[in-house]
Amino acid sequence: MEATRKIALALAIIGALNWGVAGLFRFDVVAQLAGGSTEPIARLLYVVIGVSGLISLGLLFDEWRNREALEMNTQSPEKI
């Protein structure tokens, strides 16, 4: 599962960079590589990158959960 999350994070970052390039230079790398943004392969890539972003959200929530657990373990006994 850890490898899946790392791949998903990498794809989400690549997608974010693609959107940055599209916003700054009006050049969509995915559409250029796939032959147009309406081509099935481009649409598939957009969906895969979108799902990767959703999976990567789990990393954010895991960090919050880990931080809360650490704070609970380090509190003094009278606060518990």
Protein backbone atom coordinates (compact mmCIF):
# COMPACT_ATOMS: atom_id res chain seq x y z
CA MET A 1 0.00 0.00 0.00
CA GLU A 2 2.90 2.34 0.71
CA ALA A 3 4.17 1.98 -2.88
CA THR A 4 0.69 2.79 -4.22
CA ARG A 5 0.55 5.95 -2.14
CA LYS A 6 3.99 7.05 -3.33
CA ILE A 7 3.03 6.48 -6.96
CA ALA A 8 -0.24 8.34 -6.40
CA LEU A 9 1.61 11.26 -4.83
CA ALA A 10 4.06 11.39 -7.73
CA LEU A 11 1.18 11.40 -10.24
CA ALA A 12 -0.64 14.11 -8.29
CA ILE A 13 2.50 16.26 -8.33
CA ILE A 14 2.92 15.69 -12.07
CA GLY A 15 -0.72 16.70 -12.54
CA ALA A 16 -0.21 19.84 -10.49
CA LEU A 17 2.84 20.73 -12.56
CA ASN A 18 0.82 20.17 -15.74
CA TRP A 19 -1.85 22.56 -14.48
CA GLY A 20 0.82 25.10 -13.58
CA VAL A 21 2.27 24.94 -17.08
CA ALA A 22 -1.24 25.16 -18.56
CA GLY A 23 -2.03 28.22 -16.45
CA LEU A 24 1.21 30.04 -17.11
CA PHE A 25 1.91 29.16 -20.73
CA ARG A 26 -1.42 27.84 -22.06
CA PHE A 27 0.26 24.53 -22.88
CA ASP A 28 -1.30 21.27 -21.69
CA VAL A 29 1.43 18.63 -21.65
CA VAL A 30 -0.99 15.70 -21.27
CA ALA A 31 -3.12 16.86 -24.20
CA GLN A 32 -0.03 17.43 -26.31
CA LEU A 33 1.30 13.93 -25.62
CA ALA A 34 -2.09 12.28 -26.20
CA GLY A 35 -3.03 14.17 -29.35
CA GLY A 36 -5.68 16.42 -27.82
CA SER A 37 -7.54 16.84 -24.56
CA THR A 38 -10.64 15.01 -25.84
CA GLU A 39 -8.78 11.88 -26.91
CA PRO A 40 -9.61 8.79 -24.83
CA ILE A 41 -6.00 8.33 -23.68
CA ALA A 42 -5.85 11.95 -22.46
CA ARG A 43 -9.13 11.55 -20.63
CA LEU A 44 -7.85 8.33 -19.04
CA LEU A 45 -4.69 10.11 -17.89
CA TYR A 46 -6.75 12.95 -16.41
CA VAL A 47 -8.88 10.43 -14.49
CA VAL A 48 -5.82 8.53 -13.22
CA ILE A 49 -4.21 11.78 -12.06
CA GLY A 50 -7.48 12.85 -10.38
CA VAL A 51 -7.78 9.55 -8.51
CA SER A 52 -4.14 9.91 -7.50
CA GLY A 53 -4.98 13.27 -5.98
CA LEU A 54 -7.77 11.69 -3.95
CA ILE A 55 -5.46 8.94 -2.72
CA SER A 56 -2.89 11.57 -1.79
CA LEU A 57 -5.46 13.32 0.39
CA GLY A 58 -5.25 10.26 2.63
CA LEU A 59 -1.60 11.11 3.30
CA LEU A 60 -2.66 14.49 4.67
CA PHE A 61 -5.21 12.97 7.01
CA ASP A 62 -2.74 10.30 8.15
CA GLU A 63 -0.33 13.08 9.14
CA TRP A 64 -3.06 14.79 11.17
CA ARG A 65 -4.01 11.52 12.89
CA ASN A 66 -0.38 10.77 13.72
CA ARG A 67 0.13 14.26 15.11
CA GLU A 68 -2.98 13.98 17.32
CA ALA A 69 -1.87 10.57 18.60
CA LEU A 70 1.59 11.92 19.41
CA GLU A 71 0.10 14.89 21.28
CA MET A 72 -2.12 12.58 23.33
CA ASN A 73 0.85 10.36 24.23
CA THR A 74 3.01 13.30 25.35
CA GLN A 75 0.46 15.04 27.58
CA SER A 76 1.06 15.08 31.28
CA PRO A 77 -0.94 12.57 33.38
CA GLU A 78 -3.09 15.24 35.05
CA LYS A 79 -4.42 16.41 31.67
CA ILE A 80 -5.51 12.92 30.58
